[in-house]
Amino acid sequence: MERKIILSADSTCDLGDMLKEKYKVNYYPYHIILGEQQYTDGVDITPENLYAAYRQKKILPKTAAIGVGEYLAYFKKWVEQGYD
């Protein structure tokens, strides 16, 4: 019996869109904290935004991995479809 698998990565791996599409990599973004605001990496903030914040305000970003609940919700759909 053939095993069903997925490839998954988080946003710290910086895969380009071409590689993500070519290898069908599922991608979950980290949380980025910039000053008092929290963002989702690659969704509502870009590297260019981060560089601009540093140049203009000397603010360094912090990152946070996804929480346990987010992790479970992210993979649940594949587990329910029989993926390892």
Protein backbone atom coordinates (compact mmCIF):
# COMPACT_ATOMS: atom_id res chain seq x y z
CA MET A 1 0.00 0.00 0.00
CA GLU A 2 1.34 3.40 -0.96
CA ARG A 3 1.85 5.83 1.93
CA LYS A 4 0.44 9.31 1.61
CA ILE A 5 2.77 12.10 2.71
CA ILE A 6 2.93 15.86 2.48
CA LEU A 7 5.87 18.24 2.55
CA SER A 8 5.53 21.08 5.00
CA ALA A 9 7.79 23.95 6.01
CA ASP A 10 7.53 27.09 8.04
CA SER A 11 8.35 30.56 6.81
CA THR A 12 11.86 30.55 8.28
CA CYS A 13 13.05 28.30 5.45
CA ASP A 14 12.47 31.11 2.91
CA LEU A 15 11.48 28.89 0.02
CA GLY A 16 10.60 30.87 -3.03
CA ASP A 17 7.20 30.54 -4.67
CA MET A 18 8.70 28.56 -7.56
CA LEU A 19 10.14 25.85 -5.27
CA LYS A 20 7.03 25.71 -3.09
CA GLU A 21 4.90 25.16 -6.17
CA LYS A 22 7.29 22.74 -7.90
CA TYR A 23 7.54 20.43 -4.89
CA LYS A 24 4.02 21.09 -3.55
CA VAL A 25 5.36 22.29 -0.21
CA ASN A 26 2.70 23.37 2.26
CA TYR A 27 3.81 26.44 4.10
CA TYR A 28 2.90 27.78 7.53
CA PRO A 29 3.98 31.31 8.43
CA TYR A 30 5.64 32.27 11.69
CA HIS A 31 4.39 35.16 13.75
CA ILE A 32 6.48 38.31 13.61
CA ILE A 33 6.34 40.90 16.35
CA LEU A 34 7.43 44.36 15.27
CA GLY A 35 7.14 46.93 18.01
CA GLU A 36 3.69 46.49 19.53
CA GLN A 37 2.17 44.83 16.45
CA GLN A 38 2.01 41.14 15.56
CA TYR A 39 2.04 40.03 11.92
CA THR A 40 1.97 36.81 9.93
CA ASP A 41 5.19 36.28 7.98
CA GLY A 42 4.67 36.63 4.23
CA VAL A 43 0.94 37.29 4.67
CA ASP A 44 0.61 40.75 6.12
CA ILE A 45 4.29 41.72 6.38
CA THR A 46 7.18 41.31 3.98
CA PRO A 47 10.97 41.37 4.36
CA GLU A 48 10.92 44.81 2.76
CA ASN A 49 8.60 46.03 5.55
CA LEU A 50 11.01 44.67 8.15
CA TYR A 51 14.02 46.35 6.57
CA ALA A 52 12.11 49.64 6.31
CA ALA A 53 11.12 49.48 10.00
CA TYR A 54 14.74 49.02 10.97
CA ARG A 55 16.02 51.79 8.69
CA GLN A 56 13.36 54.27 9.79
CA LYS A 57 12.80 53.41 13.46
CA LYS A 58 15.68 51.05 14.37
CA ILE A 59 13.13 48.40 15.41
CA LEU A 60 14.29 44.79 15.26
CA PRO A 61 11.61 42.15 14.73
CA LYS A 62 11.05 39.15 16.97
CA THR A 63 9.56 35.86 15.82
CA ALA A 64 7.29 33.36 17.46
CA ALA A 65 6.61 29.82 16.34
CA ILE A 66 3.05 28.66 15.91
CA GLY A 67 1.22 27.53 19.02
CA VAL A 68 0.19 23.95 19.73
CA GLY A 69 -3.44 24.63 18.75
CA GLU A 70 -2.38 26.18 15.44
CA TYR A 71 -0.05 23.25 14.78
CA LEU A 72 -2.79 20.69 15.42
CA ALA A 73 -5.32 22.57 13.27
CA TYR A 74 -2.77 22.93 10.45
CA PHE A 75 -2.05 19.18 10.21
CA LYS A 76 -5.50 17.86 11.18
CA LYS A 77 -6.92 18.11 7.65
CA TRP A 78 -4.18 15.85 6.25
CA VAL A 79 -4.36 13.32 9.06
CA GLU A 80 -8.12 13.06 8.47
CA GLN A 81 -7.37 12.34 4.78
CA GLY A 82 -5.02 9.48 5.72
CA TYR A 83 -1.65 11.19 5.35
CA ASP A 84 1.24 10.09 7.57
